[in-house]
């Protein structure tokens, strides 16, 4: 998964990112349309989305709250990575300050909480938080397959660290129960279930590797050590 420079990026977006068009306010519309395409087709172009946020900085009258939150939600799906924080730092402080008449600061605060949980591998807490407030559903509704993308990413990270894992633990981490969990584990992840134990196939990340530690000590180094010890006792 390359969220920085995805292969789906079209030529016109490449020209905007790499040329002077990245400073042109008229490029905002093209980048917003491209973000919509990302949301509908389950990929992320973090580079293009940051370009859009930079244009918002230069043209605050063009800012759209839902575009900002969609960029942040797309960045969430790239964990563990700095993409969420990089996008967050491009949002003008005036939009982040608490304001009883503005919904964006609250939305960003909630997304930041989700990001912290994903980055900290607090997966069970992430799903509990996601289900705790209807606002989360509103914030993620534009991102097709958001929960599936998160689960696939969690499963990928689990496969890097485990060869076996208990099914009840996995259910908590995936936010699924019963047949829904089994279907994801077997059909989507391609793992095997035997009772309450899930077996994950061997891969370069979870395979135990034999490590060898060699210390090359030549005769000259050894003789210097002996000589120094002799001089200290003389």
C-alpha atoms as a PDB file:
ATOM      1  CA  UNK A   1       0.000   0.000   0.000  1.00  0.00           C
ATOM      2  CA  UNK A   2       1.623   3.221  -1.229  1.00  0.00           C
ATOM      3  CA  UNK A   3      -0.412   6.129   0.062  1.00  0.00           C
ATOM      4  CA  UNK A   4       2.266   8.689  -0.782  1.00  0.00           C
ATOM      5  CA  UNK A   5       2.476   8.113  -4.539  1.00  0.00           C
ATOM      6  CA  UNK A   6      -0.248   5.629  -5.555  1.00  0.00           C
ATOM      7  CA  UNK A   7      -0.330   4.192  -9.055  1.00  0.00           C
ATOM      8  CA  UNK A   8      -3.950   5.363  -9.409  1.00  0.00           C
ATOM      9  CA  UNK A   9      -2.862   9.020  -9.556  1.00  0.00           C
ATOM     10  CA  UNK A  10      -3.929  10.520 -12.933  1.00  0.00           C
ATOM     11  CA  UNK A  11      -1.753  12.692 -15.145  1.00  0.00           C
ATOM     12  CA  UNK A  12      -3.574  15.954 -14.402  1.00  0.00           C
ATOM     13  CA  UNK A  13      -3.029  15.492 -10.654  1.00  0.00           C
ATOM     14  CA  UNK A  14       0.660  14.710 -11.264  1.00  0.00           C
ATOM     15  CA  UNK A  15       0.969  18.009 -13.122  1.00  0.00           C
ATOM     16  CA  UNK A  16      -0.686  19.893 -10.253  1.00  0.00           C
ATOM     17  CA  UNK A  17       1.529  18.352  -7.580  1.00  0.00           C
ATOM     18  CA  UNK A  18       4.796  18.766  -9.480  1.00  0.00           C
ATOM     19  CA  UNK A  19       4.197  22.090 -11.198  1.00  0.00           C
ATOM     20  CA  UNK A  20       3.174  25.666 -10.521  1.00  0.00           C
ATOM     21  CA  UNK A  21      -0.485  24.608 -10.608  1.00  0.00           C
ATOM     22  CA  UNK A  22      -0.147  23.605  -6.967  1.00  0.00           C
ATOM     23  CA  UNK A  23      -0.367  27.338  -6.186  1.00  0.00           C
ATOM     24  CA  UNK A  24      -3.353  27.962  -8.467  1.00  0.00           C
ATOM     25  CA  UNK A  25      -6.650  28.376  -6.562  1.00  0.00           C
ATOM     26  CA  UNK A  26      -8.471  26.876  -9.554  1.00  0.00           C
ATOM     27  CA  UNK A  27      -6.734  23.555  -8.850  1.00  0.00           C
ATOM     28  CA  UNK A  28      -8.822  23.172  -5.695  1.00  0.00           C
ATOM     29  CA  UNK A  29     -11.795  21.793  -7.619  1.00  0.00           C
ATOM     30  CA  UNK A  30      -9.703  19.134  -9.387  1.00  0.00           C
ATOM     31  CA  UNK A  31      -8.092  18.027  -6.128  1.00  0.00           C
ATOM     32  CA  UNK A  32     -11.478  17.859  -4.371  1.00  0.00           C
ATOM     33  CA  UNK A  33     -12.845  15.709  -7.193  1.00  0.00           C
ATOM     34  CA  UNK A  34      -9.767  13.493  -6.928  1.00  0.00           C
ATOM     35  CA  UNK A  35     -10.295  13.107  -3.182  1.00  0.00           C
ATOM     36  CA  UNK A  36     -13.876  12.033  -3.891  1.00  0.00           C
ATOM     37  CA  UNK A  37     -12.532   9.401  -6.296  1.00  0.00           C
ATOM     38  CA  UNK A  38     -10.165   8.136  -3.581  1.00  0.00           C
ATOM     39  CA  UNK A  39     -13.040   7.855  -1.119  1.00  0.00           C
ATOM     40  CA  UNK A  40     -15.134   5.884  -3.592  1.00  0.00           C
ATOM     41  CA  UNK A  41     -12.362   3.550  -4.758  1.00  0.00           C
ATOM     42  CA  UNK A  42     -10.539   2.600  -1.537  1.00  0.00           C
ATOM     43  CA  UNK A  43      -7.099   4.097  -2.099  1.00  0.00           C
ATOM     44  CA  UNK A  44      -5.308   7.119  -0.671  1.00  0.00           C
ATOM     45  CA  UNK A  45      -3.068   9.759  -2.217  1.00  0.00           C
ATOM     46  CA  UNK A  46      -1.639  11.559   0.803  1.00  0.00           C
ATOM     47  CA  UNK A  47       0.630  13.749  -1.315  1.00  0.00           C
ATOM     48  CA  UNK A  48      -2.276  15.117  -3.364  1.00  0.00           C
ATOM     49  CA  UNK A  49      -4.420  15.589  -0.259  1.00  0.00           C
ATOM     50  CA  UNK A  50      -1.692  17.625   1.444  1.00  0.00           C
ATOM     51  CA  UNK A  51      -1.467  19.758  -1.706  1.00  0.00           C
ATOM     52  CA  UNK A  52      -5.177  20.469  -1.333  1.00  0.00           C
ATOM     53  CA  UNK A  53      -4.759  21.431   2.332  1.00  0.00           C
ATOM     54  CA  UNK A  54      -1.925  23.810   1.387  1.00  0.00           C
ATOM     55  CA  UNK A  55      -4.212  25.464  -1.147  1.00  0.00           C
ATOM     56  CA  UNK A  56      -6.824  25.837   1.605  1.00  0.00           C
ATOM     57  CA  UNK A  57      -4.182  27.627   3.668  1.00  0.00           C
ATOM     58  CA  UNK A  58      -3.620  30.091   0.836  1.00  0.00           C
ATOM     59  CA  UNK A  59      -7.320  30.407  -0.017  1.00  0.00           C
ATOM     60  CA  UNK A  60      -9.318  30.148   3.240  1.00  0.00           C
ATOM     61  CA  UNK A  61     -12.511  31.213   1.501  1.00  0.00           C
ATOM     62  CA  UNK A  62     -12.488  27.880  -0.375  1.00  0.00           C
ATOM     63  CA  UNK A  63     -12.244  25.694   2.742  1.00  0.00           C
ATOM     64  CA  UNK A  64     -14.845  22.931   3.052  1.00  0.00           C
ATOM     65  CA  UNK A  65     -15.160  21.211   6.417  1.00  0.00           C
ATOM     66  CA  UNK A  66     -16.244  17.861   4.964  1.00  0.00           C
ATOM     67  CA  UNK A  67     -13.213  17.805   2.653  1.00  0.00           C
ATOM     68  CA  UNK A  68     -10.876  18.332   5.601  1.00  0.00           C
ATOM     69  CA  UNK A  69     -12.492  15.554   7.620  1.00  0.00           C
ATOM     70  CA  UNK A  70     -12.471  13.208   4.612  1.00  0.00           C
ATOM     71  CA  UNK A  71      -8.743  13.811   4.171  1.00  0.00           C
ATOM     72  CA  UNK A  72      -8.156  13.000   7.831  1.00  0.00           C
ATOM     73  CA  UNK A  73     -10.312   9.866   7.698  1.00  0.00           C
ATOM     74  CA  UNK A  74      -8.428   8.673   4.615  1.00  0.00           C
ATOM     75  CA  UNK A  75      -5.182   9.292   6.498  1.00  0.00           C
ATOM     76  CA  UNK A  76      -6.494   7.126   9.352  1.00  0.00           C
ATOM     77  CA  UNK A  77      -6.592   4.114   7.023  1.00  0.00           C
ATOM     78  CA  UNK A  78      -2.828   4.391   6.419  1.00  0.00           C
ATOM     79  CA  UNK A  79      -1.765   3.560   9.989  1.00  0.00           C
ATOM     80  CA  UNK A  80       0.792   3.102  11.344  1.00  0.00           C
ATOM     81  CA  UNK A  81       2.202   6.143   9.577  1.00  0.00           C
ATOM     82  CA  UNK A  82       2.627   9.899  10.076  1.00  0.00           C
ATOM     83  CA  UNK A  83       0.048  10.737   7.387  1.00  0.00           C
ATOM     84  CA  UNK A  84      -2.666  11.845   9.828  1.00  0.00           C
ATOM     85  CA  UNK A  85      -0.323  14.146  11.740  1.00  0.00           C
ATOM     86  CA  UNK A  86       1.162  15.576   8.528  1.00  0.00           C
ATOM     87  CA  UNK A  87      -2.325  16.471   7.306  1.00  0.00           C
ATOM     88  CA  UNK A  88      -3.355  17.817  10.702  1.00  0.00           C
ATOM     89  CA  UNK A  89      -0.411  20.224  10.784  1.00  0.00           C
ATOM     90  CA  UNK A  90      -1.577  21.794   7.510  1.00  0.00           C
ATOM     91  CA  UNK A  91      -4.967  22.765   8.902  1.00  0.00           C
ATOM     92  CA  UNK A  92      -4.999  26.457   9.974  1.00  0.00           C
ATOM     93  CA  UNK A  93      -5.015  26.857  13.779  1.00  0.00           C
ATOM     94  CA  UNK A  94      -8.079  29.078  13.514  1.00  0.00           C
ATOM     95  CA  UNK A  95     -10.074  26.059  12.324  1.00  0.00           C
ATOM     96  CA  UNK A  96      -8.814  23.887  15.166  1.00  0.00           C
ATOM     97  CA  UNK A  97      -9.687  26.227  18.030  1.00  0.00           C
ATOM     98  CA  UNK A  98     -12.818  25.241  19.998  1.00  0.00           C
ATOM     99  CA  UNK A  99     -15.809  27.223  18.820  1.00  0.00           C
ATOM    100  CA  UNK A 100     -19.412  26.641  19.944  1.00  0.00           C
ATOM    101  CA  UNK A 101     -20.617  27.746  16.503  1.00  0.00           C
ATOM    102  CA  UNK A 102     -18.267  25.447  14.553  1.00  0.00           C
ATOM    103  CA  UNK A 103     -18.451  21.653  14.245  1.00  0.00           C
ATOM    104  CA  UNK A 104     -15.017  21.115  12.688  1.00  0.00           C
ATOM    105  CA  UNK A 105     -12.906  21.391  15.894  1.00  0.00           C
ATOM    106  CA  UNK A 106     -15.000  18.691  17.609  1.00  0.00           C
ATOM    107  CA  UNK A 107     -14.809  16.458  14.550  1.00  0.00           C
ATOM    108  CA  UNK A 108     -11.034  16.801  14.339  1.00  0.00           C
ATOM    109  CA  UNK A 109     -10.657  16.101  18.063  1.00  0.00           C
ATOM    110  CA  UNK A 110     -12.631  12.865  17.670  1.00  0.00           C
ATOM    111  CA  UNK A 111     -10.603  11.779  14.645  1.00  0.00           C
ATOM    112  CA  UNK A 112      -7.406  12.548  16.527  1.00  0.00           C
ATOM    113  CA  UNK A 113      -8.568  10.203  19.288  1.00  0.00           C
ATOM    114  CA  UNK A 114      -9.115   7.424  16.765  1.00  0.00           C
ATOM    115  CA  UNK A 115      -5.699   8.028  15.255  1.00  0.00           C
ATOM    116  CA  UNK A 116      -4.005   7.822  18.651  1.00  0.00           C
ATOM    117  CA  UNK A 117      -5.674   4.480  19.317  1.00  0.00           C
ATOM    118  CA  UNK A 118      -4.716   3.014  15.946  1.00  0.00           C
ATOM    119  CA  UNK A 119      -1.149   4.242  16.197  1.00  0.00           C
ATOM    120  CA  UNK A 120      -0.932   2.728  19.677  1.00  0.00           C
ATOM    121  CA  UNK A 121      -2.372  -0.603  18.496  1.00  0.00           C
ATOM    122  CA  UNK A 122      -5.341  -0.172  20.867  1.00  0.00           C
ATOM    123  CA  UNK A 123      -7.642  -1.896  18.421  1.00  0.00           C
ATOM    124  CA  UNK A 124     -10.388  -3.042  20.802  1.00  0.00           C
ATOM    125  CA  UNK A 125     -10.603   0.482  22.216  1.00  0.00           C
ATOM    126  CA  UNK A 126     -10.727   1.886  18.684  1.00  0.00           C
ATOM    127  CA  UNK A 127     -13.847  -0.116  17.820  1.00  0.00           C
ATOM    128  CA  UNK A 128     -15.475   0.770  21.134  1.00  0.00           C
ATOM    129  CA  UNK A 129     -14.820   4.462  20.504  1.00  0.00           C
ATOM    130  CA  UNK A 130     -16.084   4.235  16.929  1.00  0.00           C
ATOM    131  CA  UNK A 131     -19.387   2.796  18.188  1.00  0.00           C
ATOM    132  CA  UNK A 132     -19.722   5.265  21.058  1.00  0.00           C
ATOM    133  CA  UNK A 133     -20.958   8.301  19.114  1.00  0.00           C
ATOM    134  CA  UNK A 134     -23.078   8.695  15.979  1.00  0.00           C
ATOM    135  CA  UNK A 135     -20.761  11.500  14.901  1.00  0.00           C
ATOM    136  CA  UNK A 136     -18.142   8.905  13.969  1.00  0.00           C
ATOM    137  CA  UNK A 137     -20.573   7.332  11.510  1.00  0.00           C
ATOM    138  CA  UNK A 138     -21.208  10.758   9.983  1.00  0.00           C
ATOM    139  CA  UNK A 139     -17.475  11.444   9.674  1.00  0.00           C
ATOM    140  CA  UNK A 140     -16.697   8.156   7.927  1.00  0.00           C
ATOM    141  CA  UNK A 141     -19.788   7.817   5.745  1.00  0.00           C
ATOM    142  CA  UNK A 142     -18.099   9.236   2.607  1.00  0.00           C
ATOM    143  CA  UNK A 143     -15.236   6.733   2.762  1.00  0.00           C
ATOM    144  CA  UNK A 144     -16.349   3.543   1.049  1.00  0.00           C
ATOM    145  CA  UNK A 145     -15.454   0.433   3.050  1.00  0.00           C
ATOM    146  CA  UNK A 146     -13.854   2.389   5.887  1.00  0.00           C
ATOM    147  CA  UNK A 147     -14.247  -0.350   8.500  1.00  0.00           C
ATOM    148  CA  UNK A 148     -13.099  -3.031   6.053  1.00  0.00           C
ATOM    149  CA  UNK A 149      -9.983  -0.998   5.220  1.00  0.00           C
ATOM    150  CA  UNK A 150      -9.166  -0.674   8.914  1.00  0.00           C
ATOM    151  CA  UNK A 151      -9.696  -4.398   9.526  1.00  0.00           C
ATOM    152  CA  UNK A 152      -7.501  -5.391   6.588  1.00  0.00           C
ATOM    153  CA  UNK A 153      -4.769  -3.096   7.878  1.00  0.00           C
ATOM    154  CA  UNK A 154      -5.051  -4.537  11.405  1.00  0.00           C
ATOM    155  CA  UNK A 155      -4.916  -8.065   9.988  1.00  0.00           C
ATOM    156  CA  UNK A 156      -1.813  -7.197   7.979  1.00  0.00           C
ATOM    157  CA  UNK A 157      -0.037  -5.908  11.077  1.00  0.00           C
ATOM    158  CA  UNK A 158      -1.113  -8.961  13.097  1.00  0.00           C
ATOM    159  CA  UNK A 159       0.287 -11.243  10.398  1.00  0.00           C
ATOM    160  CA  UNK A 160       3.650  -9.506  10.782  1.00  0.00           C
ATOM    161  CA  UNK A 161       3.867 -10.357  14.473  1.00  0.00           C
ATOM    162  CA  UNK A 162       1.961 -13.613  15.059  1.00  0.00           C
ATOM    163  CA  UNK A 163       1.846 -17.205  13.827  1.00  0.00           C
ATOM    164  CA  UNK A 164      -1.033 -18.108  16.151  1.00  0.00           C
ATOM    165  CA  UNK A 165      -3.584 -16.046  18.014  1.00  0.00           C
ATOM    166  CA  UNK A 166      -6.687 -16.832  20.056  1.00  0.00           C
ATOM    167  CA  UNK A 167      -9.943 -16.191  18.212  1.00  0.00           C
ATOM    168  CA  UNK A 168     -11.611 -14.227  21.071  1.00  0.00           C
ATOM    169  CA  UNK A 169      -8.663 -11.811  21.134  1.00  0.00           C
ATOM    170  CA  UNK A 170      -8.761 -11.464  17.371  1.00  0.00           C
ATOM    171  CA  UNK A 171     -12.494 -10.754  17.477  1.00  0.00           C
ATOM    172  CA  UNK A 172     -11.881  -7.835  19.829  1.00  0.00           C
ATOM    173  CA  UNK A 173      -9.102  -6.454  17.655  1.00  0.00           C
ATOM    174  CA  UNK A 174     -11.209  -6.732  14.494  1.00  0.00           C
ATOM    175  CA  UNK A 175     -14.419  -5.455  16.071  1.00  0.00           C
ATOM    176  CA  UNK A 176     -16.289  -8.541  14.872  1.00  0.00           C
ATOM    177  CA  UNK A 177     -18.040 -11.472  16.526  1.00  0.00           C
ATOM    178  CA  UNK A 178     -19.201 -14.965  15.631  1.00  0.00           C
ATOM    179  CA  UNK A 179     -19.770 -15.794  11.982  1.00  0.00           C
ATOM    180  CA  UNK A 180     -18.782 -12.295  10.844  1.00  0.00           C
ATOM    181  CA  UNK A 181     -15.369 -12.744  12.458  1.00  0.00           C
ATOM    182  CA  UNK A 182     -14.929 -16.250  11.029  1.00  0.00           C
ATOM    183  CA  UNK A 183     -15.866 -15.059   7.553  1.00  0.00           C
ATOM    184  CA  UNK A 184     -13.304 -12.260   7.669  1.00  0.00           C
ATOM    185  CA  UNK A 185     -10.561 -14.476   9.099  1.00  0.00           C
ATOM    186  CA  UNK A 186     -11.065 -17.283   6.588  1.00  0.00           C
ATOM    187  CA  UNK A 187     -12.237 -15.512   3.426  1.00  0.00           C
ATOM    188  CA  UNK A 188     -10.574 -12.106   3.640  1.00  0.00           C
ATOM    189  CA  UNK A 189      -7.398 -12.836   5.609  1.00  0.00           C
ATOM    190  CA  UNK A 190      -6.990 -16.397   4.356  1.00  0.00           C
ATOM    191  CA  UNK A 191      -6.134 -17.781   7.798  1.00  0.00           C
ATOM    192  CA  UNK A 192      -7.128 -21.113   9.329  1.00  0.00           C
ATOM    193  CA  UNK A 193      -9.319 -21.568  12.389  1.00  0.00           C
ATOM    194  CA  UNK A 194      -9.115 -24.618  14.623  1.00  0.00           C
ATOM    195  CA  UNK A 195     -11.423 -24.254  17.594  1.00  0.00           C
ATOM    196  CA  UNK A 196     -10.398 -21.046  19.346  1.00  0.00           C
ATOM    197  CA  UNK A 197      -6.984 -20.829  17.702  1.00  0.00           C
ATOM    198  CA  UNK A 198      -6.272 -18.932  14.490  1.00  0.00           C
ATOM    199  CA  UNK A 199      -3.210 -19.998  12.526  1.00  0.00           C
ATOM    200  CA  UNK A 200      -1.472 -17.407  10.370  1.00  0.00           C
ATOM    201  CA  UNK A 201       0.688 -18.592   7.454  1.00  0.00           C
ATOM    202  CA  UNK A 202       4.421 -18.097   7.618  1.00  0.00           C
ATOM    203  CA  UNK A 203       5.697 -14.929   5.961  1.00  0.00           C
ATOM    204  CA  UNK A 204       8.999 -13.011   5.952  1.00  0.00           C
ATOM    205  CA  UNK A 205       7.800 -10.813   8.825  1.00  0.00           C
ATOM    206  CA  UNK A 206       6.582 -13.460  11.299  1.00  0.00           C
ATOM    207  CA  UNK A 207       9.130 -16.158  10.498  1.00  0.00           C
ATOM    208  CA  UNK A 208      11.657 -16.810  13.243  1.00  0.00           C
ATOM    209  CA  UNK A 209      15.112 -15.944  12.001  1.00  0.00           C
ATOM    210  CA  UNK A 210      18.335 -17.405  13.282  1.00  0.00           C
ATOM    211  CA  UNK A 211      20.763 -14.706  14.277  1.00  0.00           C
ATOM    212  CA  UNK A 212      24.477 -15.182  14.401  1.00  0.00           C
ATOM    213  CA  UNK A 213      26.771 -12.946  16.371  1.00  0.00           C
ATOM    214  CA  UNK A 214      30.379 -12.975  15.284  1.00  0.00           C
ATOM    215  CA  UNK A 215      33.213 -11.088  16.828  1.00  0.00           C
ATOM    216  CA  UNK A 216      36.364 -10.989  14.773  1.00  0.00           C
ATOM    217  CA  UNK A 217      39.388 -10.724  17.053  1.00  0.00           C
ATOM    218  CA  UNK A 218      42.715 -10.979  15.265  1.00  0.00           C
ATOM    219  CA  UNK A 219      46.019 -11.941  16.843  1.00  0.00           C
ATOM    220  CA  UNK A 220      47.276  -8.365  17.025  1.00  0.00           C
ATOM    221  CA  UNK A 221      44.201  -7.222  18.990  1.00  0.00           C
ATOM    222  CA  UNK A 222      44.514 -10.209  21.331  1.00  0.00           C
ATOM    223  CA  UNK A 223      48.205  -9.549  21.989  1.00  0.00           C
ATOM    224  CA  UNK A 224      47.478  -5.909  22.870  1.00  0.00           C
ATOM    225  CA  UNK A 225      44.880  -6.999  25.430  1.00  0.00           C
ATOM    226  CA  UNK A 226      47.337  -9.451  27.016  1.00  0.00           C
ATOM    227  CA  UNK A 227      50.078  -6.824  27.052  1.00  0.00           C
ATOM    228  CA  UNK A 228      47.812  -4.248  28.719  1.00  0.00           C
ATOM    229  CA  UNK A 229      46.713  -6.747  31.367  1.00  0.00           C
ATOM    230  CA  UNK A 230      50.358  -7.668  32.035  1.00  0.00           C
ATOM    231  CA  UNK A 231      51.367  -4.002  32.424  1.00  0.00           C
ATOM    232  CA  UNK A 232      48.491  -3.316  34.858  1.00  0.00           C
ATOM    233  CA  UNK A 233      49.549  -6.198  37.128  1.00  0.00           C
ATOM    234  CA  UNK A 234      53.270  -5.452  36.953  1.00  0.00           C
END
